[in-house]
Structure formats: structure tokens, C-alpha cells
N, C-alpha and C. Protein backbone atom coordinates (compact mmCIF):
# COMPACT_ATOMS: atom_id res chain seq x y z
N MET A 1 -28.47 -129.69 161.44
CA MET A 1 -28.41 -130.71 161.20
C MET A 1 -27.69 -131.53 161.07
N VAL A 2 -27.22 -132.68 161.39
CA VAL A 2 -25.88 -133.10 161.17
C VAL A 2 -26.55 -134.75 161.11
N LEU A 3 -25.62 -135.39 160.13
CA LEU A 3 -26.37 -136.79 159.68
C LEU A 3 -24.81 -137.70 160.37
N ILE A 4 -24.93 -138.71 160.90
CA ILE A 4 -24.02 -139.80 161.00
C ILE A 4 -24.44 -140.68 160.76
N GLY A 5 -23.24 -142.25 160.48
CA GLY A 5 -23.56 -143.41 159.81
C GLY A 5 -23.23 -144.35 160.68
N PRO A 6 -22.56 -145.30 160.39
CA PRO A 6 -22.48 -146.50 161.08
C PRO A 6 -21.69 -146.35 162.25
N GLY A 7 -21.74 -147.18 163.04
CA GLY A 7 -20.64 -147.06 164.20
C GLY A 7 -21.43 -147.10 165.23
N GLN A 8 -20.61 -147.97 166.77
CA GLN A 8 -20.69 -147.77 167.66
C GLN A 8 -20.20 -146.79 168.24
N ALA A 9 -20.47 -146.61 169.46
CA ALA A 9 -19.84 -145.54 170.38
C ALA A 9 -18.57 -145.90 171.20
N GLY A 10 -18.62 -147.34 171.63
CA GLY A 10 -17.22 -148.19 171.76
C GLY A 10 -16.46 -148.25 170.39
N ASP A 11 -17.24 -147.95 169.35
CA ASP A 11 -16.45 -148.40 168.18
C ASP A 11 -16.05 -147.30 167.25
N ALA A 12 -16.78 -146.24 167.48
CA ALA A 12 -16.72 -145.06 167.26
C ALA A 12 -16.25 -144.01 167.99
N PRO A 13 -14.81 -143.72 168.75
CA PRO A 13 -14.44 -143.07 169.84
C PRO A 13 -14.70 -141.73 169.37
N MET A 14 -14.96 -141.63 168.11
CA MET A 14 -14.38 -139.90 167.01
C MET A 14 -15.31 -139.21 167.40
N PHE A 15 -16.63 -139.94 167.96
CA PHE A 15 -17.50 -139.26 167.67
C PHE A 15 -18.12 -138.01 168.64
N SER A 16 -17.23 -138.03 169.46
CA SER A 16 -17.29 -136.97 170.62
C SER A 16 -16.55 -135.53 169.92
N ILE A 17 -15.20 -135.86 169.39
CA ILE A 17 -14.22 -135.27 168.95
C ILE A 17 -15.02 -134.56 167.46
N LEU A 18 -15.33 -135.48 166.95
CA LEU A 18 -15.92 -135.34 165.76
C LEU A 18 -17.30 -133.74 165.81
N MET A 19 -18.53 -133.75 167.00
CA MET A 19 -19.11 -133.45 167.36
C MET A 19 -18.38 -131.91 168.09
N ASN A 20 -17.53 -131.97 168.57
CA ASN A 20 -17.06 -130.78 168.90
C ASN A 20 -16.35 -129.93 168.37
N HIS A 21 -15.52 -130.37 167.05
CA HIS A 21 -15.13 -129.87 165.70
C HIS A 21 -16.02 -129.24 164.74
N LEU A 22 -17.18 -129.38 165.30
CA LEU A 22 -18.44 -129.05 164.06
C LEU A 22 -18.68 -127.79 164.23
N ARG A 23 -19.20 -127.08 163.10
CA ARG A 23 -19.37 -125.71 162.68
C ARG A 23 -19.70 -125.52 161.59
N VAL A 24 -21.05 -124.70 162.13
CA VAL A 24 -22.33 -124.56 161.18
C VAL A 24 -22.15 -122.75 160.84
N ALA A 25 -21.87 -122.37 159.61
CA ALA A 25 -21.48 -121.27 159.22
C ALA A 25 -23.33 -120.25 159.54
N ARG A 26 -23.06 -119.33 159.91
CA ARG A 26 -24.72 -118.06 160.32
C ARG A 26 -24.69 -117.41 158.68
N PRO A 27 -26.12 -117.16 158.77
CA PRO A 27 -25.97 -116.26 157.50
C PRO A 27 -25.76 -114.53 157.40
N GLY A 28 -24.99 -114.28 157.01
CA GLY A 28 -24.62 -112.66 157.56
C GLY A 28 -23.23 -112.94 158.28
N GLN A 29 -23.16 -112.38 159.72
CA GLN A 29 -22.27 -111.78 160.53
C GLN A 29 -22.38 -112.84 161.83
N GLY A 30 -20.73 -113.09 162.62
CA GLY A 30 -21.42 -114.28 163.90
C GLY A 30 -20.85 -115.31 163.61
N ARG A 31 -19.94 -115.50 164.69
CA ARG A 31 -19.14 -117.00 165.10
C ARG A 31 -20.15 -118.03 164.34
N PRO A 32 -19.49 -119.13 163.84
CA PRO A 32 -20.66 -120.04 163.60
C PRO A 32 -20.84 -120.70 164.66
N ARG A 33 -21.97 -121.87 164.25
CA ARG A 33 -22.64 -122.33 165.20
C ARG A 33 -21.63 -123.56 165.70
N SER A 34 -21.59 -123.82 166.60
CA SER A 34 -20.88 -125.28 167.14
C SER A 34 -21.89 -126.43 167.65
N ARG A 35 -23.58 -126.27 167.69
CA ARG A 35 -23.77 -127.15 168.31
C ARG A 35 -25.45 -127.21 167.74
N PRO A 36 -25.77 -127.86 166.46
CA PRO A 36 -26.77 -128.36 165.95
C PRO A 36 -27.99 -128.32 166.29
N GLU A 37 -29.11 -128.40 166.03
CA GLU A 37 -30.04 -128.59 166.83
C GLU A 37 -30.74 -130.02 167.16
N ARG A 38 -30.40 -130.64 165.72
CA ARG A 38 -30.26 -132.41 165.99
C ARG A 38 -29.60 -133.06 165.17
N VAL A 39 -29.62 -133.99 165.36
CA VAL A 39 -28.43 -135.40 164.80
C VAL A 39 -29.49 -136.05 164.79
N ARG A 40 -29.41 -136.48 162.95
CA ARG A 40 -29.66 -137.87 162.31
C ARG A 40 -29.30 -138.88 162.36
N GLY A 41 -28.82 -140.59 162.79
CA GLY A 41 -28.28 -141.27 162.47
C GLY A 41 -28.89 -142.95 162.36
N ASP A 42 -28.28 -143.42 162.02
CA ASP A 42 -29.01 -144.96 161.73
C ASP A 42 -28.26 -145.54 163.07
N LYS A 43 -29.30 -146.50 163.43
CA LYS A 43 -29.59 -147.64 164.40
C LYS A 43 -27.94 -147.47 164.71
N ALA A 44 -27.05 -148.01 164.39
CA ALA A 44 -25.73 -148.49 164.66
C ALA A 44 -25.02 -147.09 165.77
N TYR A 45 -25.90 -145.65 165.59
CA TYR A 45 -25.41 -145.12 166.81
C TYR A 45 -26.34 -144.83 167.91
N SER A 46 -27.30 -145.68 168.18
CA SER A 46 -28.50 -146.16 169.44
C SER A 46 -27.20 -146.63 170.45
N SER A 47 -26.38 -146.53 171.25
CA SER A 47 -25.80 -146.85 172.10
C SER A 47 -26.26 -145.53 173.38
N ARG A 48 -26.06 -146.14 174.17
CA ARG A 48 -26.07 -144.97 175.74
C ARG A 48 -24.94 -143.75 175.52
N ALA A 49 -24.23 -144.08 175.50
CA ALA A 49 -23.15 -143.20 175.44
C ALA A 49 -23.18 -142.17 174.81
N ILE A 50 -23.83 -142.30 173.07
CA ILE A 50 -23.65 -141.32 172.45
C ILE A 50 -24.81 -140.83 172.57
N ARG A 51 -26.21 -141.23 172.95
CA ARG A 51 -27.34 -140.40 173.80
C ARG A 51 -27.31 -139.31 174.91
N GLN A 52 -26.17 -139.94 175.47
CA GLN A 52 -25.52 -139.31 177.00
C GLN A 52 -24.96 -137.92 176.40
N HIS A 53 -24.07 -138.01 175.19
CA HIS A 53 -23.36 -137.07 175.04
C HIS A 53 -24.29 -136.08 174.37
N LEU A 54 -25.17 -136.71 173.74
CA LEU A 54 -26.12 -135.53 172.76
C LEU A 54 -27.13 -134.88 174.00
N ARG A 55 -27.88 -135.61 174.95
CA ARG A 55 -28.43 -134.98 175.48
C ARG A 55 -27.77 -134.35 176.64
N SER A 56 -26.72 -133.97 176.67
CA SER A 56 -25.60 -133.47 177.48
C SER A 56 -25.36 -131.98 176.77
N ARG A 57 -25.62 -132.08 175.51
CA ARG A 57 -24.94 -130.73 175.14
C ARG A 57 -26.43 -130.21 174.42
N GLY A 58 -27.53 -130.64 174.51
CA GLY A 58 -29.19 -130.15 174.69
C GLY A 58 -29.24 -130.09 172.61
N ILE A 59 -28.74 -131.63 172.20
CA ILE A 59 -29.14 -131.73 170.99
C ILE A 59 -30.00 -133.08 170.71
N VAL A 60 -31.22 -132.62 169.93
CA VAL A 60 -31.99 -133.79 169.58
C VAL A 60 -31.41 -134.67 169.20
N ALA A 61 -31.93 -136.42 169.02
CA ALA A 61 -31.21 -137.93 168.99
C ALA A 61 -32.29 -137.73 168.15
N VAL A 62 -32.16 -137.78 166.68
CA VAL A 62 -33.23 -138.82 165.84
C VAL A 62 -32.42 -140.21 165.50
N ILE A 63 -32.43 -141.15 166.41
CA ILE A 63 -31.99 -142.30 166.13
C ILE A 63 -33.10 -143.42 166.47
N PRO A 64 -32.82 -144.08 165.49
CA PRO A 64 -34.21 -145.40 165.90
C PRO A 64 -33.38 -146.19 167.13
N GLU A 65 -34.16 -147.27 167.92
CA GLU A 65 -33.65 -148.31 168.63
C GLU A 65 -33.44 -149.47 167.78
N PRO A 66 -32.56 -150.27 168.09
CA PRO A 66 -32.15 -151.28 167.24
C PRO A 66 -32.96 -152.48 167.87
N SER A 67 -33.57 -153.39 167.21
CA SER A 67 -34.54 -154.37 167.48
C SER A 67 -34.09 -155.36 168.71
N ASP A 68 -32.26 -155.38 168.86
CA ASP A 68 -31.73 -156.43 169.67
C ASP A 68 -31.94 -155.62 171.00
N GLN A 69 -32.01 -154.19 170.72
CA GLN A 69 -31.53 -153.24 172.10
C GLN A 69 -33.55 -153.27 173.21
N GLN A 70 -34.02 -153.10 172.26
CA GLN A 70 -35.56 -153.29 172.62
C GLN A 70 -35.75 -154.41 173.08
N GLY A 71 -35.45 -155.42 172.84
CA GLY A 71 -35.71 -156.77 173.38
C GLY A 71 -34.79 -156.62 174.95
N HIS A 72 -33.42 -156.60 174.72
CA HIS A 72 -32.25 -156.39 176.02
C HIS A 72 -33.43 -155.94 176.96
N ARG A 73 -34.09 -154.20 176.29
CA ARG A 73 -34.89 -153.06 177.34
C ARG A 73 -36.29 -153.74 178.24
N LYS A 74 -36.92 -154.67 176.91
CA LYS A 74 -38.44 -155.13 177.51
C LYS A 74 -37.68 -156.38 178.40
N ARG A 75 -36.84 -157.33 178.66
CA ARG A 75 -36.62 -158.55 178.87
C ARG A 75 -36.10 -158.16 180.71
N ARG A 76 -35.47 -156.58 180.56
CA ARG A 76 -35.24 -156.59 182.00
C ARG A 76 -36.56 -155.53 182.65
N GLY A 77 -37.63 -155.41 182.12
CA GLY A 77 -38.88 -154.68 182.62
C GLY A 77 -38.67 -153.34 182.95
N SER A 78 -39.15 -153.26 183.93
CA SER A 78 -39.26 -151.51 184.83
C SER A 78 -38.06 -151.36 184.70
N LYS A 79 -36.78 -152.26 184.87
CA LYS A 79 -35.79 -151.47 184.84
C LYS A 79 -34.92 -151.44 183.55
N GLY A 80 -35.45 -151.88 182.43
CA GLY A 80 -35.01 -151.36 181.35
C GLY A 80 -34.88 -150.41 180.99
N GLY A 81 -35.79 -149.27 181.63
CA GLY A 81 -35.56 -148.04 181.00
C GLY A 81 -36.89 -148.15 180.36
N ARG A 82 -37.01 -146.37 179.52
CA ARG A 82 -38.15 -146.27 179.19
C ARG A 82 -37.97 -146.18 177.66
N PRO A 83 -38.88 -146.66 176.46
CA PRO A 83 -38.25 -146.81 175.16
C PRO A 83 -37.49 -145.21 174.45
N VAL A 84 -37.00 -145.62 173.57
CA VAL A 84 -36.49 -144.44 172.64
C VAL A 84 -36.98 -143.96 172.07
N GLY A 85 -37.64 -142.30 172.14
CA GLY A 85 -38.33 -141.45 171.39
C GLY A 85 -37.76 -140.82 170.28
N TYR A 86 -37.99 -140.98 168.74
CA TYR A 86 -37.53 -140.28 167.84
C TYR A 86 -38.35 -139.85 167.09
N ASP A 87 -37.82 -138.55 165.87
CA ASP A 87 -38.75 -137.94 165.18
C ASP A 87 -39.46 -139.21 163.71
N VAL A 88 -40.21 -139.67 163.89
CA VAL A 88 -39.97 -140.91 162.60
C VAL A 88 -40.03 -139.96 161.38
N GLU A 89 -41.24 -138.87 161.30
CA GLU A 89 -40.75 -138.23 160.00
C GLU A 89 -39.92 -137.51 159.50
N ASP A 90 -39.20 -137.26 160.84
CA ASP A 90 -37.66 -136.29 160.64
C ASP A 90 -36.69 -137.17 160.15
N TYR A 91 -36.45 -138.45 160.71
CA TYR A 91 -35.79 -139.58 160.31
C TYR A 91 -35.94 -140.24 158.45
N LYS A 92 -37.10 -140.13 158.19
CA LYS A 92 -37.06 -140.44 156.76
C LYS A 92 -36.46 -139.75 156.10
N GLY A 93 -36.33 -138.37 156.21
CA GLY A 93 -34.87 -137.38 155.73
C GLY A 93 -34.02 -137.52 155.05
N ARG A 94 -33.62 -138.57 156.27
CA ARG A 94 -31.62 -138.97 156.08
C ARG A 94 -31.77 -139.41 154.73
N ASN A 95 -32.44 -139.70 154.06
CA ASN A 95 -31.70 -140.98 153.01
C ASN A 95 -31.86 -139.53 152.29
N VAL A 96 -31.87 -138.41 151.90
CA VAL A 96 -31.13 -137.58 150.90
C VAL A 96 -30.03 -137.78 151.30
N VAL A 97 -29.42 -137.43 152.73
CA VAL A 97 -28.19 -136.93 152.73
C VAL A 97 -27.62 -138.21 151.97
N GLU A 98 -27.66 -139.54 152.41
CA GLU A 98 -27.18 -141.14 152.43
C GLU A 98 -27.22 -141.31 150.56
N ARG A 99 -28.06 -140.49 149.97
CA ARG A 99 -28.20 -140.81 148.36
C ARG A 99 -26.69 -139.79 148.52
N SER A 100 -26.44 -138.87 148.81
CA SER A 100 -25.17 -137.63 148.30
C SER A 100 -24.20 -138.38 149.00
N PHE A 101 -23.99 -139.08 150.07
CA PHE A 101 -22.84 -139.38 150.48
C PHE A 101 -22.60 -140.79 149.19
N ASN A 102 -23.94 -141.77 148.98
CA ASN A 102 -23.28 -142.65 147.54
C ASN A 102 -22.67 -141.88 146.55
N GLN A 103 -23.25 -140.89 146.14
CA GLN A 103 -22.88 -140.48 144.92
C GLN A 103 -21.76 -140.05 145.00
N GLY A 104 -20.98 -139.65 145.65
CA GLY A 104 -19.20 -139.46 146.14
C GLY A 104 -18.33 -140.74 146.26
N LYS A 105 -19.58 -141.97 146.69
CA LYS A 105 -18.81 -143.35 147.03
C LYS A 105 -18.59 -143.94 145.46
N GLN A 106 -18.86 -143.12 144.48
CA GLN A 106 -18.66 -143.51 143.19
C GLN A 106 -17.61 -143.87 142.76
N TRP A 107 -16.59 -142.87 143.02
CA TRP A 107 -15.35 -143.47 142.88
C TRP A 107 -14.82 -144.35 143.44
N ARG A 108 -14.40 -144.99 143.19
CA ARG A 108 -13.80 -146.19 143.81
C ARG A 108 -13.14 -146.41 145.35
N GLY A 109 -11.89 -145.27 144.93
CA GLY A 109 -10.83 -144.92 145.60
C GLY A 109 -11.51 -144.13 146.90
N LEU A 110 -12.58 -143.44 147.05
CA LEU A 110 -13.42 -143.29 148.17
C LEU A 110 -13.79 -143.95 148.89
N ALA A 111 -14.70 -145.15 147.91
CA ALA A 111 -15.38 -145.99 148.38
C ALA A 111 -14.66 -147.03 149.38
N THR A 112 -13.03 -147.32 148.92
CA THR A 112 -12.66 -148.44 149.40
C THR A 112 -11.36 -147.82 150.26
N ARG A 113 -11.30 -146.45 150.90
CA ARG A 113 -10.44 -146.21 150.87
C ARG A 113 -8.65 -146.69 150.58
N TYR A 114 -8.29 -146.48 149.55
CA TYR A 114 -6.90 -146.68 148.75
C TYR A 114 -5.99 -145.47 149.69
N ASP A 115 -6.35 -144.81 150.24
CA ASP A 115 -5.39 -143.85 150.32
C ASP A 115 -4.86 -143.69 151.60
N LYS A 116 -3.31 -143.99 152.05
CA LYS A 116 -2.89 -144.16 153.41
C LYS A 116 -3.25 -142.73 153.92
N LEU A 117 -2.96 -141.68 153.41
CA LEU A 117 -2.80 -140.20 154.31
C LEU A 117 -3.80 -139.80 154.25
N SER A 118 -4.45 -139.39 155.27
CA SER A 118 -5.88 -138.66 155.56
C SER A 118 -5.97 -137.37 154.78
N LEU A 119 -4.59 -136.91 154.54
CA LEU A 119 -4.88 -135.93 153.64
C LEU A 119 -4.53 -135.84 152.07
N THR A 120 -4.55 -137.25 151.78
CA THR A 120 -4.84 -137.45 150.18
C THR A 120 -6.23 -137.98 150.19
N TYR A 121 -6.13 -138.57 151.32
CA TYR A 121 -8.04 -138.93 150.87
C TYR A 121 -9.34 -138.33 150.86
N ARG A 122 -8.47 -136.67 152.32
CA ARG A 122 -9.34 -135.76 151.65
C ARG A 122 -9.67 -134.93 150.31
N GLY A 123 -8.59 -134.89 149.89
CA GLY A 123 -8.49 -134.43 148.33
C GLY A 123 -8.78 -134.59 147.71
N ALA A 124 -8.93 -135.98 147.51
CA ALA A 124 -9.96 -136.80 146.37
C ALA A 124 -11.69 -136.50 146.81
N ALA A 125 -11.81 -136.35 148.43
CA ALA A 125 -13.17 -136.10 148.64
C ALA A 125 -13.75 -134.62 148.03
N VAL A 126 -12.58 -133.60 148.24
CA VAL A 126 -12.83 -132.68 148.05
C VAL A 126 -12.84 -132.40 146.24
N LEU A 127 -12.04 -132.85 145.73
CA LEU A 127 -11.90 -133.22 143.52
C LEU A 127 -13.16 -133.97 143.17
N ARG A 128 -14.09 -135.32 144.60
CA ARG A 128 -14.97 -135.70 143.63
C ARG A 128 -16.28 -134.43 144.22
N ALA A 129 -16.42 -133.97 145.09
CA ALA A 129 -17.55 -132.91 145.36
C ALA A 129 -17.36 -131.62 144.30
N ILE A 130 -16.19 -131.40 144.03
CA ILE A 130 -16.47 -130.45 142.64
C ILE A 130 -16.61 -130.72 141.65
N THR A 131 -16.56 -132.57 141.25
CA THR A 131 -17.19 -132.92 139.86
C THR A 131 -18.22 -132.66 139.77
N LEU A 132 -19.20 -133.01 140.79
CA LEU A 132 -20.27 -133.50 140.97
C LEU A 132 -21.01 -131.98 141.29
N TRP A 133 -20.30 -130.99 141.67
CA TRP A 133 -20.90 -130.04 141.64
C TRP A 133 -21.11 -129.25 140.58
N LEU A 134 -19.83 -129.54 139.56
CA LEU A 134 -19.53 -129.01 138.14
C LEU A 134 -20.51 -129.83 137.45
N GLN A 135 -21.03 -131.20 138.09
CA GLN A 135 -21.91 -131.70 137.17
C GLN A 135 -23.29 -130.56 137.14
N ALA A 136 -23.49 -130.75 138.18
CA ALA A 136 -24.85 -130.17 138.61
C ALA A 136 -25.41 -128.83 137.84
N LEU A 137 -23.87 -127.90 137.91
CA LEU A 137 -23.96 -126.72 137.20
C LEU A 137 -23.76 -126.50 135.42
N GLY A 138 -24.07 -127.99 135.10
CA GLY A 138 -23.25 -128.41 133.84
C GLY A 138 -24.80 -127.64 133.01
N ASP A 139 -26.10 -127.52 133.28
CA ASP A 139 -27.02 -127.31 132.51
C ASP A 139 -27.68 -125.38 132.63
N THR A 140 -26.73 -124.81 133.69
CA THR A 140 -26.62 -123.70 134.07
C THR A 140 -25.86 -122.83 132.80
N PRO A 141 -27.22 -121.74 132.27
CA PRO A 141 -26.06 -120.75 131.42
C PRO A 141 -25.20 -119.89 131.88
């Protein structure tokens, strides 16, 4: 399962690059998987290019269609194509990951991206993840 945030296909040319770099470790031995079963995304990722990319890789898109796109499709009639299908119950689980991102963004530098270098920003993200992990383990004997 992969979660994607705001952006459009034209505005997010890194989407396909991100998906190509994705690696999910397998339990036990074996090389990591590079293709998730499904991708959850918000309405901003409901572009034709992103859906096409996911479809070509055999990945289920759990991405709702924005109301403006629904209107455009309905206005075109039979030429507008079929409505986007997605699992509504699966999409409801997206908030768990969103809340995790929001915990990380409690650090002002991460939320506003003050750092110029990606290496420095990544270091801050890793440091924040460590502090959150240590807080979660704080009550462990």
C-alpha cells in the first residue's frame, strides 16, 4: 500500500520516478517488491496520466474523482467515459497515514521546508522519525 499526497500529474512529474524507486521489503528472504497492490491518493492525484501509469503497472488506484472532473465527464455524455471506480472503505483508511505525516510536520522546519539542500531536509525528517519512535517507546519497560 502506498499513500500519495496533493499534486497533479502535470504538476508532479516525479510521480513515476517515485513509483520506480519504491521498494517494499519482504518478510524473510527475497528481493524487495517494487509494485504495491494498491495506491491510495487524494483527489489531486485523479489525473488521467497517473491512473494510466498505475493501470499499466497493474496497480489498483484508490483515488476518488474530483467533482469538477465528474462534471466535465458527464457534460461530454457517452464520450466522457466511465466513472472512476474506487473502494470507498479502503479509502477511509487513508487518514491513518495522513495523521502520521501531520505528526512529522509538527516540526516547523519540516512543514515549511526551510532547508535548501535535500540532504539536510532528509536528515531532519529522519531525526523527527527517531524522536517520534522514542516517544512511542517511552512507556516500554
